[in-house]
Amino acid sequence: MIYNNEQINIKITYANNFYKRFKGLMLKKDFDDGLLFTNLKDSSIHTFFMRFEIDVYFLNEKKYIFEKTSLKPWKFYKPKKQAKYILETRKNKLKLKIGDRLDFI
C-alpha cells in the first residue's frame, strides 16, 4: 500500500464480491492486515460477530480518506456520505488521517 508517496508493507485482502463483503471479519480470531471493500452499494458497516476493535477508513473515488472511525465489536456505523472504498484494519495498526491519499499495489 502507498500512503502519501511512502510504501507501507501491509497485506490487503480485497472484499470485492458479495460473499467476501458479507463475511468480512466476522468470526475471525485474529487479524493483522487490511481488508479493502470495493464495489460498494452501501457504505454502512457493522462489527457484529467480531472479536476485536477495528479502525475504518472511508475513501472517495480518488482514494482520499474523507472519514475515519474506530469500532468495538457489536457496533454499527454509517458514514456521512457514500464511500467508493472502505479499508478496515486492526485498531491503531496504521496512523492514517482524513485527507491522506492511499494507493494499493
PDB file of N, CA and C in Angstrom:
ATOM      1  N   MET A   1       0.842  -1.164   0.000  1.00  0.00           N
ATOM      2  CA  MET A   1       0.000   0.000   0.000  1.00  0.00           C
ATOM      3  C   MET A   1       0.892   1.233   0.000  1.00  0.00           C
ATOM      4  N   ILE A   2       0.495   2.241  -0.746  1.00  0.00           N
ATOM      5  CA  ILE A   2       1.213   3.506  -0.799  1.00  0.00           C
ATOM      6  C   ILE A   2       0.392   4.547  -0.041  1.00  0.00           C
ATOM      7  N   TYR A   3       1.048   5.246   0.884  1.00  0.00           N
ATOM      8  CA  TYR A   3       0.412   6.263   1.695  1.00  0.00           C
ATOM      9  C   TYR A   3       1.207   7.548   1.549  1.00  0.00           C
ATOM     10  N   ASN A   4       0.598   8.556   0.899  1.00  0.00           N
ATOM     11  CA  ASN A   4       1.267   9.843   0.670  1.00  0.00           C
ATOM     12  C   ASN A   4       2.695   9.659   0.151  1.00  0.00           C
ATOM     13  N   ASN A   5       2.846   8.856  -0.897  1.00  0.00           N
ATOM     14  CA  ASN A   5       4.121   8.564  -1.577  1.00  0.00           C
ATOM     15  C   ASN A   5       5.090   7.725  -0.758  1.00  0.00           C
ATOM     16  N   GLU A   6       4.662   7.138   0.331  1.00  0.00           N
ATOM     17  CA  GLU A   6       5.503   6.263   1.147  1.00  0.00           C
ATOM     18  C   GLU A   6       4.876   4.868   1.161  1.00  0.00           C
ATOM     19  N   GLN A   7       5.687   3.853   0.916  1.00  0.00           N
ATOM     20  CA  GLN A   7       5.159   2.489   0.888  1.00  0.00           C
ATOM     21  C   GLN A   7       5.040   1.925   2.304  1.00  0.00           C
ATOM     22  N   ILE A   8       3.891   1.338   2.581  1.00  0.00           N
ATOM     23  CA  ILE A   8       3.643   0.657   3.852  1.00  0.00           C
ATOM     24  C   ILE A   8       3.426  -0.814   3.519  1.00  0.00           C
ATOM     25  N   ASN A   9       4.186  -1.684   4.140  1.00  0.00           N
ATOM     26  CA  ASN A   9       4.048  -3.115   3.875  1.00  0.00           C
ATOM     27  C   ASN A   9       2.944  -3.699   4.737  1.00  0.00           C
ATOM     28  N   ILE A  10       1.797  -3.853   4.121  1.00  0.00           N
ATOM     29  CA  ILE A  10       0.640  -4.441   4.765  1.00  0.00           C
ATOM     30  C   ILE A  10      -0.091  -5.251   3.695  1.00  0.00           C
ATOM     31  N   LYS A  11      -0.454  -6.445   4.041  1.00  0.00           N
ATOM     32  CA  LYS A  11      -1.176  -7.295   3.096  1.00  0.00           C
ATOM     33  C   LYS A  11      -2.639  -6.858   3.076  1.00  0.00           C
ATOM     34  N   ILE A  12      -3.122  -6.537   1.883  1.00  0.00           N
ATOM     35  CA  ILE A  12      -4.506  -6.121   1.703  1.00  0.00           C
ATOM     36  C   ILE A  12      -5.291  -7.271   1.097  1.00  0.00           C
ATOM     37  N   THR A  13      -6.356  -7.654   1.750  1.00  0.00           N
ATOM     38  CA  THR A  13      -7.290  -8.631   1.204  1.00  0.00           C
ATOM     39  C   THR A  13      -8.462  -7.855   0.623  1.00  0.00           C
ATOM     40  N   TYR A  14      -8.869  -8.205  -0.588  1.00  0.00           N
ATOM     41  CA  TYR A  14      -9.951  -7.497  -1.255  1.00  0.00           C
ATOM     42  C   TYR A  14     -11.275  -8.200  -0.991  1.00  0.00           C
ATOM     43  N   ALA A  15     -12.233  -7.435  -0.526  1.00  0.00           N
ATOM     44  CA  ALA A  15     -13.610  -7.911  -0.387  1.00  0.00           C
ATOM     45  C   ALA A  15     -14.370  -7.294  -1.554  1.00  0.00           C
ATOM     46  N   ASN A  16     -14.288  -7.971  -2.699  1.00  0.00           N
ATOM     47  CA  ASN A  16     -14.801  -7.389  -3.933  1.00  0.00           C
ATOM     48  C   ASN A  16     -15.983  -8.133  -4.539  1.00  0.00           C
ATOM     49  N   ASN A  17     -16.579  -9.027  -3.758  1.00  0.00           N
ATOM     50  CA  ASN A  17     -17.808  -9.667  -4.221  1.00  0.00           C
ATOM     51  C   ASN A  17     -18.755  -9.812  -3.028  1.00  0.00           C
ATOM     52  N   PHE A  18     -19.971 -10.203  -3.299  1.00  0.00           N
ATOM     53  CA  PHE A  18     -20.992 -10.248  -2.247  1.00  0.00           C
ATOM     54  C   PHE A  18     -20.563 -11.111  -1.065  1.00  0.00           C
ATOM     55  N   TYR A  19     -20.077 -12.313  -1.319  1.00  0.00           N
ATOM     56  CA  TYR A  19     -19.715 -13.211  -0.223  1.00  0.00           C
ATOM     57  C   TYR A  19     -18.593 -12.634   0.640  1.00  0.00           C
ATOM     58  N   LYS A  20     -17.540 -12.129   0.010  1.00  0.00           N
ATOM     59  CA  LYS A  20     -16.401 -11.575   0.768  1.00  0.00           C
ATOM     60  C   LYS A  20     -16.810 -10.339   1.565  1.00  0.00           C
ATOM     61  N   ARG A  21     -17.678  -9.498   0.981  1.00  0.00           N
ATOM     62  CA  ARG A  21     -18.154  -8.321   1.710  1.00  0.00           C
ATOM     63  C   ARG A  21     -19.053  -8.745   2.859  1.00  0.00           C
ATOM     64  N   PHE A  22     -19.900  -9.734   2.617  1.00  0.00           N
ATOM     65  CA  PHE A  22     -20.809 -10.208   3.664  1.00  0.00           C
ATOM     66  C   PHE A  22     -20.034 -10.802   4.833  1.00  0.00           C
ATOM     67  N   LYS A  23     -19.068 -11.643   4.560  1.00  0.00           N
ATOM     68  CA  LYS A  23     -18.300 -12.306   5.607  1.00  0.00           C
ATOM     69  C   LYS A  23     -17.362 -11.351   6.330  1.00  0.00           C
ATOM     70  N   GLY A  24     -16.657 -10.492   5.577  1.00  0.00           N
ATOM     71  CA  GLY A  24     -15.765  -9.520   6.191  1.00  0.00           C
ATOM     72  C   GLY A  24     -14.857 -10.139   7.232  1.00  0.00           C
ATOM     73  N   LEU A  25     -14.861  -9.586   8.434  1.00  0.00           N
ATOM     74  CA  LEU A  25     -14.005 -10.062   9.523  1.00  0.00           C
ATOM     75  C   LEU A  25     -14.791 -10.852  10.569  1.00  0.00           C
ATOM     76  N   MET A  26     -16.035 -11.169  10.271  1.00  0.00           N
ATOM     77  CA  MET A  26     -16.844 -11.915  11.234  1.00  0.00           C
ATOM     78  C   MET A  26     -16.195 -13.251  11.584  1.00  0.00           C
ATOM     79  N   LEU A  27     -16.174 -13.556  12.862  1.00  0.00           N
ATOM     80  CA  LEU A  27     -15.718 -14.829  13.425  1.00  0.00           C
ATOM     81  C   LEU A  27     -14.215 -15.060  13.311  1.00  0.00           C
ATOM     82  N   LYS A  28     -13.472 -14.101  12.802  1.00  0.00           N
ATOM     83  CA  LYS A  28     -12.014 -14.273  12.750  1.00  0.00           C
ATOM     84  C   LYS A  28     -11.450 -14.178  14.157  1.00  0.00           C
ATOM     85  N   LYS A  29     -10.457 -15.014  14.433  1.00  0.00           N
ATOM     86  CA  LYS A  29      -9.812 -14.999  15.749  1.00  0.00           C
ATOM     87  C   LYS A  29      -8.733 -13.936  15.836  1.00  0.00           C
ATOM     88  N   ASP A  30      -8.124 -13.628  14.696  1.00  0.00           N
ATOM     89  CA  ASP A  30      -7.053 -12.648  14.678  1.00  0.00           C
ATOM     90  C   ASP A  30      -7.051 -11.960  13.324  1.00  0.00           C
ATOM     91  N   PHE A  31      -6.439 -10.791  13.296  1.00  0.00           N
ATOM     92  CA  PHE A  31      -6.411 -10.004  12.067  1.00  0.00           C
ATOM     93  C   PHE A  31      -5.306  -8.975  12.202  1.00  0.00           C
ATOM     94  N   ASP A  32      -4.293  -9.051  11.369  1.00  0.00           N
ATOM     95  CA  ASP A  32      -3.178  -8.117  11.461  1.00  0.00           C
ATOM     96  C   ASP A  32      -3.010  -7.237  10.235  1.00  0.00           C
ATOM     97  N   ASP A  33      -3.716  -7.515   9.170  1.00  0.00           N
ATOM     98  CA  ASP A  33      -3.513  -6.785   7.935  1.00  0.00           C
ATOM     99  C   ASP A  33      -4.706  -5.890   7.628  1.00  0.00           C
ATOM    100  N   GLY A  34      -4.993  -5.672   6.348  1.00  0.00           N
ATOM    101  CA  GLY A  34      -6.089  -4.799   5.950  1.00  0.00           C
ATOM    102  C   GLY A  34      -7.107  -5.520   5.100  1.00  0.00           C
ATOM    103  N   LEU A  35      -8.353  -5.110   5.221  1.00  0.00           N
ATOM    104  CA  LEU A  35      -9.431  -5.630   4.392  1.00  0.00           C
ATOM    105  C   LEU A  35     -10.026  -4.451   3.646  1.00  0.00           C
ATOM    106  N   LEU A  36      -9.977  -4.504   2.308  1.00  0.00           N
ATOM    107  CA  LEU A  36     -10.451  -3.411   1.468  1.00  0.00           C
ATOM    108  C   LEU A  36     -11.752  -3.820   0.787  1.00  0.00           C
ATOM    109  N   PHE A  37     -12.807  -3.077   1.071  1.00  0.00           N
ATOM    110  CA  PHE A  37     -14.107  -3.311   0.449  1.00  0.00           C
ATOM    111  C   PHE A  37     -14.216  -2.467  -0.804  1.00  0.00           C
ATOM    112  N   THR A  38     -14.607  -3.117  -1.905  1.00  0.00           N
ATOM    113  CA  THR A  38     -14.802  -2.422  -3.183  1.00  0.00           C
ATOM    114  C   THR A  38     -16.164  -2.818  -3.740  1.00  0.00           C
ATOM    115  N   ASN A  39     -16.571  -2.185  -4.848  1.00  0.00           N
ATOM    116  CA  ASN A  39     -17.856  -2.458  -5.492  1.00  0.00           C
ATOM    117  C   ASN A  39     -19.011  -2.283  -4.510  1.00  0.00           C
ATOM    118  N   LEU A  40     -19.002  -1.169  -3.810  1.00  0.00           N
ATOM    119  CA  LEU A  40     -19.969  -0.925  -2.745  1.00  0.00           C
ATOM    120  C   LEU A  40     -21.275  -0.337  -3.261  1.00  0.00           C
ATOM    121  N   LYS A  41     -22.386  -0.819  -2.703  1.00  0.00           N
ATOM    122  CA  LYS A  41     -23.687  -0.212  -2.947  1.00  0.00           C
ATOM    123  C   LYS A  41     -24.120   0.587  -1.730  1.00  0.00           C
ATOM    124  N   ASP A  42     -23.514   0.276  -0.589  1.00  0.00           N
ATOM    125  CA  ASP A  42     -23.831   0.953   0.666  1.00  0.00           C
ATOM    126  C   ASP A  42     -22.556   1.021   1.501  1.00  0.00           C
ATOM    127  N   SER A  43     -22.354   2.131   2.195  1.00  0.00           N
ATOM    128  CA  SER A  43     -21.128   2.304   2.975  1.00  0.00           C
ATOM    129  C   SER A  43     -21.299   1.990   4.458  1.00  0.00           C
ATOM    130  N   SER A  44     -22.480   1.619   4.878  1.00  0.00           N
ATOM    131  CA  SER A  44     -22.656   1.315   6.300  1.00  0.00           C
ATOM    132  C   SER A  44     -21.955  -0.003   6.621  1.00  0.00           C
ATOM    133  N   ILE A  45     -21.428  -0.083   7.838  1.00  0.00           N
ATOM    134  CA  ILE A  45     -20.709  -1.284   8.249  1.00  0.00           C
ATOM    135  C   ILE A  45     -21.133  -1.673   9.660  1.00  0.00           C
ATOM    136  N   HIS A  46     -20.804  -2.896  10.034  1.00  0.00           N
ATOM    137  CA  HIS A  46     -21.062  -3.357  11.393  1.00  0.00           C
ATOM    138  C   HIS A  46     -19.905  -4.237  11.848  1.00  0.00           C
ATOM    139  N   THR A  47     -19.835  -4.423  13.146  1.00  0.00           N
ATOM    140  CA  THR A  47     -18.814  -5.302  13.718  1.00  0.00           C
ATOM    141  C   THR A  47     -19.468  -6.442  14.493  1.00  0.00           C
ATOM    142  N   PHE A  48     -20.637  -6.857  14.052  1.00  0.00           N
ATOM    143  CA  PHE A  48     -21.317  -7.994  14.676  1.00  0.00           C
ATOM    144  C   PHE A  48     -20.467  -9.248  14.486  1.00  0.00           C
ATOM    145  N   PHE A  49     -20.410 -10.074  15.473  1.00  0.00           N
ATOM    146  CA  PHE A  49     -19.672 -11.346  15.461  1.00  0.00           C
ATOM    147  C   PHE A  49     -18.160 -11.159  15.309  1.00  0.00           C
ATOM    148  N   MET A  50     -17.673  -9.977  15.625  1.00  0.00           N
ATOM    149  CA  MET A  50     -16.224  -9.742  15.576  1.00  0.00           C
ATOM    150  C   MET A  50     -15.656  -9.808  16.980  1.00  0.00           C
ATOM    151  N   ARG A  51     -14.368 -10.084  17.079  1.00  0.00           N
ATOM    152  CA  ARG A  51     -13.728 -10.310  18.374  1.00  0.00           C
ATOM    153  C   ARG A  51     -12.726  -9.231  18.768  1.00  0.00           C
ATOM    154  N   PHE A  52     -12.548  -8.213  17.933  1.00  0.00           N
ATOM    155  CA  PHE A  52     -11.538  -7.197  18.207  1.00  0.00           C
ATOM    156  C   PHE A  52     -12.000  -5.857  17.650  1.00  0.00           C
ATOM    157  N   GLU A  53     -11.378  -4.790  18.129  1.00  0.00           N
ATOM    158  CA  GLU A  53     -11.695  -3.433  17.702  1.00  0.00           C
ATOM    159  C   GLU A  53     -10.966  -3.124  16.390  1.00  0.00           C
ATOM    160  N   ILE A  54     -11.606  -2.340  15.536  1.00  0.00           N
ATOM    161  CA  ILE A  54     -11.015  -2.000  14.243  1.00  0.00           C
ATOM    162  C   ILE A  54     -11.062  -0.495  13.994  1.00  0.00           C
ATOM    163  N   ASP A  55     -10.155  -0.039  13.133  1.00  0.00           N
ATOM    164  CA  ASP A  55     -10.221   1.303  12.551  1.00  0.00           C
ATOM    165  C   ASP A  55     -10.803   1.142  11.154  1.00  0.00           C
ATOM    166  N   VAL A  56     -11.676   2.052  10.788  1.00  0.00           N
ATOM    167  CA  VAL A  56     -12.332   2.001   9.483  1.00  0.00           C
ATOM    168  C   VAL A  56     -12.093   3.323   8.771  1.00  0.00           C
ATOM    169  N   TYR A  57     -11.579   3.235   7.548  1.00  0.00           N
ATOM    170  CA  TYR A  57     -11.277   4.403   6.730  1.00  0.00           C
ATOM    171  C   TYR A  57     -12.195   4.398   5.514  1.00  0.00           C
ATOM    172  N   PHE A  58     -12.909   5.498   5.296  1.00  0.00           N
ATOM    173  CA  PHE A  58     -13.808   5.637   4.155  1.00  0.00           C
ATOM    174  C   PHE A  58     -13.110   6.503   3.118  1.00  0.00           C
ATOM    175  N   LEU A  59     -12.991   5.986   1.890  1.00  0.00           N
ATOM    176  CA  LEU A  59     -12.251   6.658   0.827  1.00  0.00           C
ATOM    177  C   LEU A  59     -13.178   7.022  -0.326  1.00  0.00           C
ATOM    178  N   ASN A  60     -12.858   8.138  -0.991  1.00  0.00           N
ATOM    179  CA  ASN A  60     -13.619   8.533  -2.171  1.00  0.00           C
ATOM    180  C   ASN A  60     -13.027   7.866  -3.411  1.00  0.00           C
ATOM    181  N   GLU A  61     -13.524   8.246  -4.594  1.00  0.00           N
ATOM    182  CA  GLU A  61     -13.084   7.614  -5.845  1.00  0.00           C
ATOM    183  C   GLU A  61     -11.617   7.886  -6.161  1.00  0.00           C
ATOM    184  N   LYS A  62     -11.041   8.954  -5.605  1.00  0.00           N
ATOM    185  CA  LYS A  62      -9.625   9.259  -5.821  1.00  0.00           C
ATOM    186  C   LYS A  62      -8.744   8.685  -4.710  1.00  0.00           C
ATOM    187  N   LYS A  63      -9.335   7.888  -3.837  1.00  0.00           N
ATOM    188  CA  LYS A  63      -8.664   7.184  -2.747  1.00  0.00           C
ATOM    189  C   LYS A  63      -8.148   8.116  -1.646  1.00  0.00           C
ATOM    190  N   TYR A  64      -8.849   9.223  -1.441  1.00  0.00           N
ATOM    191  CA  TYR A  64      -8.578  10.095  -0.307  1.00  0.00           C
ATOM    192  C   TYR A  64      -9.492   9.697   0.848  1.00  0.00           C
ATOM    193  N   ILE A  65      -8.944   9.672   2.045  1.00  0.00           N
ATOM    194  CA  ILE A  65      -9.744   9.360   3.228  1.00  0.00           C
ATOM    195  C   ILE A  65     -10.588  10.582   3.570  1.00  0.00           C
ATOM    196  N   PHE A  66     -11.914  10.405   3.604  1.00  0.00           N
ATOM    197  CA  PHE A  66     -12.787  11.524   3.953  1.00  0.00           C
ATOM    198  C   PHE A  66     -13.466  11.336   5.308  1.00  0.00           C
ATOM    199  N   GLU A  67     -13.370  10.126   5.857  1.00  0.00           N
ATOM    200  CA  GLU A  67     -13.951   9.873   7.171  1.00  0.00           C
ATOM    201  C   GLU A  67     -13.250   8.673   7.798  1.00  0.00           C
ATOM    202  N   LYS A  68     -13.130   8.703   9.115  1.00  0.00           N
ATOM    203  CA  LYS A  68     -12.484   7.612   9.848  1.00  0.00           C
ATOM    204  C   LYS A  68     -13.261   7.382  11.134  1.00  0.00           C
ATOM    205  N   THR A  69     -13.347   6.113  11.537  1.00  0.00           N
ATOM    206  CA  THR A  69     -13.949   5.782  12.822  1.00  0.00           C
ATOM    207  C   THR A  69     -13.268   4.551  13.389  1.00  0.00           C
ATOM    208  N   SER A  70     -13.406   4.367  14.682  1.00  0.00           N
ATOM    209  CA  SER A  70     -12.947   3.152  15.353  1.00  0.00           C
ATOM    210  C   SER A  70     -14.175   2.479  15.956  1.00  0.00           C
ATOM    211  N   LEU A  71     -14.270   1.178  15.781  1.00  0.00           N
ATOM    212  CA  LEU A  71     -15.443   0.457  16.262  1.00  0.00           C
ATOM    213  C   LEU A  71     -15.052  -0.738  17.109  1.00  0.00           C
ATOM    214  N   LYS A  72     -15.750  -0.899  18.215  1.00  0.00           N
ATOM    215  CA  LYS A  72     -15.631  -2.089  19.040  1.00  0.00           C
ATOM    216  C   LYS A  72     -16.590  -3.139  18.478  1.00  0.00           C
ATOM    217  N   PRO A  73     -16.442  -4.404  18.888  1.00  0.00           N
ATOM    218  CA  PRO A  73     -17.381  -5.435  18.429  1.00  0.00           C
ATOM    219  C   PRO A  73     -18.838  -5.083  18.769  1.00  0.00           C
ATOM    220  N   TRP A  74     -19.732  -5.516  17.889  1.00  0.00           N
ATOM    221  CA  TRP A  74     -21.181  -5.376  18.042  1.00  0.00           C
ATOM    222  C   TRP A  74     -21.667  -3.939  17.880  1.00  0.00           C
ATOM    223  N   LYS A  75     -21.014  -3.187  16.994  1.00  0.00           N
ATOM    224  CA  LYS A  75     -21.431  -1.810  16.710  1.00  0.00           C
ATOM    225  C   LYS A  75     -21.819  -1.678  15.242  1.00  0.00           C
ATOM    226  N   PHE A  76     -22.531  -0.604  14.936  1.00  0.00           N
ATOM    227  CA  PHE A  76     -22.960  -0.275  13.577  1.00  0.00           C
ATOM    228  C   PHE A  76     -22.539   1.157  13.289  1.00  0.00           C
ATOM    229  N   TYR A  77     -22.145   1.437  12.038  1.00  0.00           N
ATOM    230  CA  TYR A  77     -21.733   2.789  11.674  1.00  0.00           C
ATOM    231  C   TYR A  77     -22.110   3.075  10.227  1.00  0.00           C
ATOM    232  N   LYS A  78     -22.633   4.275  10.002  1.00  0.00           N
ATOM    233  CA  LYS A  78     -22.940   4.734   8.647  1.00  0.00           C
ATOM    234  C   LYS A  78     -22.251   6.076   8.447  1.00  0.00           C
ATOM    235  N   PRO A  79     -21.349   6.187   7.457  1.00  0.00           N
ATOM    236  CA  PRO A  79     -20.652   7.456   7.219  1.00  0.00           C
ATOM    237  C   PRO A  79     -21.612   8.525   6.688  1.00  0.00           C
ATOM    238  N   LYS A  80     -21.143   9.757   6.715  1.00  0.00           N
ATOM    239  CA  LYS A  80     -21.980  10.877   6.285  1.00  0.00           C
ATOM    240  C   LYS A  80     -22.277  10.855   4.788  1.00  0.00           C
ATOM    241  N   LYS A  81     -21.389  10.226   4.003  1.00  0.00           N
ATOM    242  CA  LYS A  81     -21.633  10.110   2.561  1.00  0.00           C
ATOM    243  C   LYS A  81     -21.148   8.753   2.072  1.00  0.00           C
ATOM    244  N   GLN A  82     -21.528   8.400   0.862  1.00  0.00           N
ATOM    245  CA  GLN A  82     -21.179   7.119   0.255  1.00  0.00           C
ATOM    246  C   GLN A  82     -19.684   7.050  -0.047  1.00  0.00           C
ATOM    247  N   ALA A  83     -19.071   5.934   0.293  1.00  0.00           N
ATOM    248  CA  ALA A  83     -17.648   5.708   0.014  1.00  0.00           C
ATOM    249  C   ALA A  83     -17.489   4.849  -1.232  1.00  0.00           C
ATOM    250  N   LYS A  84     -16.390   5.035  -1.915  1.00  0.00           N
ATOM    251  CA  LYS A  84     -16.022   4.176  -3.052  1.00  0.00           C
ATOM    252  C   LYS A  84     -15.256   2.959  -2.540  1.00  0.00           C
ATOM    253  N   TYR A  85     -14.447   3.160  -1.493  1.00  0.00           N
ATOM    254  CA  TYR A  85     -13.666   2.092  -0.873  1.00  0.00           C
ATOM    255  C   TYR A  85     -13.775   2.228   0.646  1.00  0.00           C
ATOM    256  N   ILE A  86     -13.690   1.099   1.333  1.00  0.00           N
ATOM    257  CA  ILE A  86     -13.613   1.089   2.793  1.00  0.00           C
ATOM    258  C   ILE A  86     -12.453   0.185   3.175  1.00  0.00           C
ATOM    259  N   LEU A  87     -11.551   0.722   3.992  1.00  0.00           N
ATOM    260  CA  LEU A  87     -10.404  -0.038   4.476  1.00  0.00           C
ATOM    261  C   LEU A  87     -10.583  -0.289   5.969  1.00  0.00           C
ATOM    262  N   GLU A  88     -10.528  -1.557   6.361  1.00  0.00           N
ATOM    263  CA  GLU A  88     -10.597  -1.933   7.766  1.00  0.00           C
ATOM    264  C   GLU A  88      -9.247  -2.491   8.196  1.00  0.00           C
ATOM    265  N   THR A  89      -8.775  -2.027   9.346  1.00  0.00           N
ATOM    266  CA  THR A  89      -7.529  -2.518   9.921  1.00  0.00           C
ATOM    267  C   THR A  89      -7.739  -2.715  11.419  1.00  0.00           C
ATOM    268  N   ARG A  90      -6.841  -3.461  12.029  1.00  0.00           N
ATOM    269  CA  ARG A  90      -6.887  -3.586  13.486  1.00  0.00           C
ATOM    270  C   ARG A  90      -6.676  -2.200  14.092  1.00  0.00           C
ATOM    271  N   LYS A  91      -7.314  -1.939  15.193  1.00  0.00           N
ATOM    272  CA  LYS A  91      -7.209  -0.638  15.885  1.00  0.00           C
ATOM    273  C   LYS A  91      -5.743  -0.238  16.058  1.00  0.00           C
ATOM    274  N   ASN A  92      -5.412   0.972  15.638  1.00  0.00           N
ATOM    275  CA  ASN A  92      -4.076   1.578  15.750  1.00  0.00           C
ATOM    276  C   ASN A  92      -2.990   0.895  14.922  1.00  0.00           C
ATOM    277  N   LYS A  93      -3.366   0.063  13.951  1.00  0.00           N
ATOM    278  CA  LYS A  93      -2.384  -0.583  13.069  1.00  0.00           C
ATOM    279  C   LYS A  93      -1.683   0.453  12.184  1.00  0.00           C
ATOM    280  N   LEU A  94      -2.470   1.393  11.652  1.00  0.00           N
ATOM    281  CA  LEU A  94      -1.948   2.443  10.781  1.00  0.00           C
ATOM    282  C   LEU A  94      -2.268   3.801  11.393  1.00  0.00           C
ATOM    283  N   LYS A  95      -1.453   4.759  11.131  1.00  0.00           N
ATOM    284  CA  LYS A  95      -1.667   6.117  11.637  1.00  0.00           C
ATOM    285  C   LYS A  95      -2.133   7.017  10.491  1.00  0.00           C
ATOM    286  N   LEU A  96      -3.251   6.663   9.885  1.00  0.00           N
ATOM    287  CA  LEU A  96      -3.793   7.430   8.768  1.00  0.00           C
ATOM    288  C   LEU A  96      -4.786   8.453   9.299  1.00  0.00           C
ATOM    289  N   LYS A  97      -4.970   9.529   8.526  1.00  0.00           N
ATOM    290  CA  LYS A  97      -5.903  10.565   8.950  1.00  0.00           C
ATOM    291  C   LYS A  97      -6.707  11.067   7.745  1.00  0.00           C
ATOM    292  N   ILE A  98      -7.756  11.794   8.043  1.00  0.00           N
ATOM    293  CA  ILE A  98      -8.594  12.372   6.995  1.00  0.00           C
ATOM    294  C   ILE A  98      -7.726  13.261   6.110  1.00  0.00           C
ATOM    295  N   GLY A  99      -7.897  13.117   4.790  1.00  0.00           N
ATOM    296  CA  GLY A  99      -7.122  13.875   3.813  1.00  0.00           C
ATOM    297  C   GLY A  99      -5.951  13.105   3.235  1.00  0.00           C
ATOM    298  N   ASP A 100      -5.543  12.009   3.895  1.00  0.00           N
ATOM    299  CA  ASP A 100      -4.462  11.179   3.356  1.00  0.00           C
ATOM    300  C   ASP A 100      -4.951  10.459   2.103  1.00  0.00           C
ATOM    301  N   ARG A 101      -4.028  10.262   1.162  1.00  0.00           N
ATOM    302  CA  ARG A 101      -4.346   9.532  -0.065  1.00  0.00           C
ATOM    303  C   ARG A 101      -3.648   8.184  -0.034  1.00  0.00           C
ATOM    304  N   LEU A 102      -4.385   7.138  -0.405  1.00  0.00           N
ATOM    305  CA  LEU A 102      -3.851   5.778  -0.428  1.00  0.00           C
ATOM    306  C   LEU A 102      -3.842   5.251  -1.852  1.00  0.00           C
ATOM    307  N   ASP A 103      -2.976   4.292  -2.105  1.00  0.00           N
ATOM    308  CA  ASP A 103      -2.996   3.548  -3.354  1.00  0.00           C
ATOM    309  C   ASP A 103      -2.605   2.123  -2.995  1.00  0.00           C
ATOM    310  N   PHE A 104      -3.099   1.191  -3.725  1.00  0.00           N
ATOM    311  CA  PHE A 104      -2.890  -0.218  -3.406  1.00  0.00           C
ATOM    312  C   PHE A 104      -2.136  -0.888  -4.536  1.00  0.00           C
ATOM    313  N   ILE A 105      -1.011  -1.522  -4.194  1.00  0.00           N
ATOM    314  CA  ILE A 105      -0.177  -2.160  -5.225  1.00  0.00           C
ATOM    315  C   ILE A 105      -0.041  -3.646  -4.946  1.00  0.00           C
TER     316      ILE A 105
END
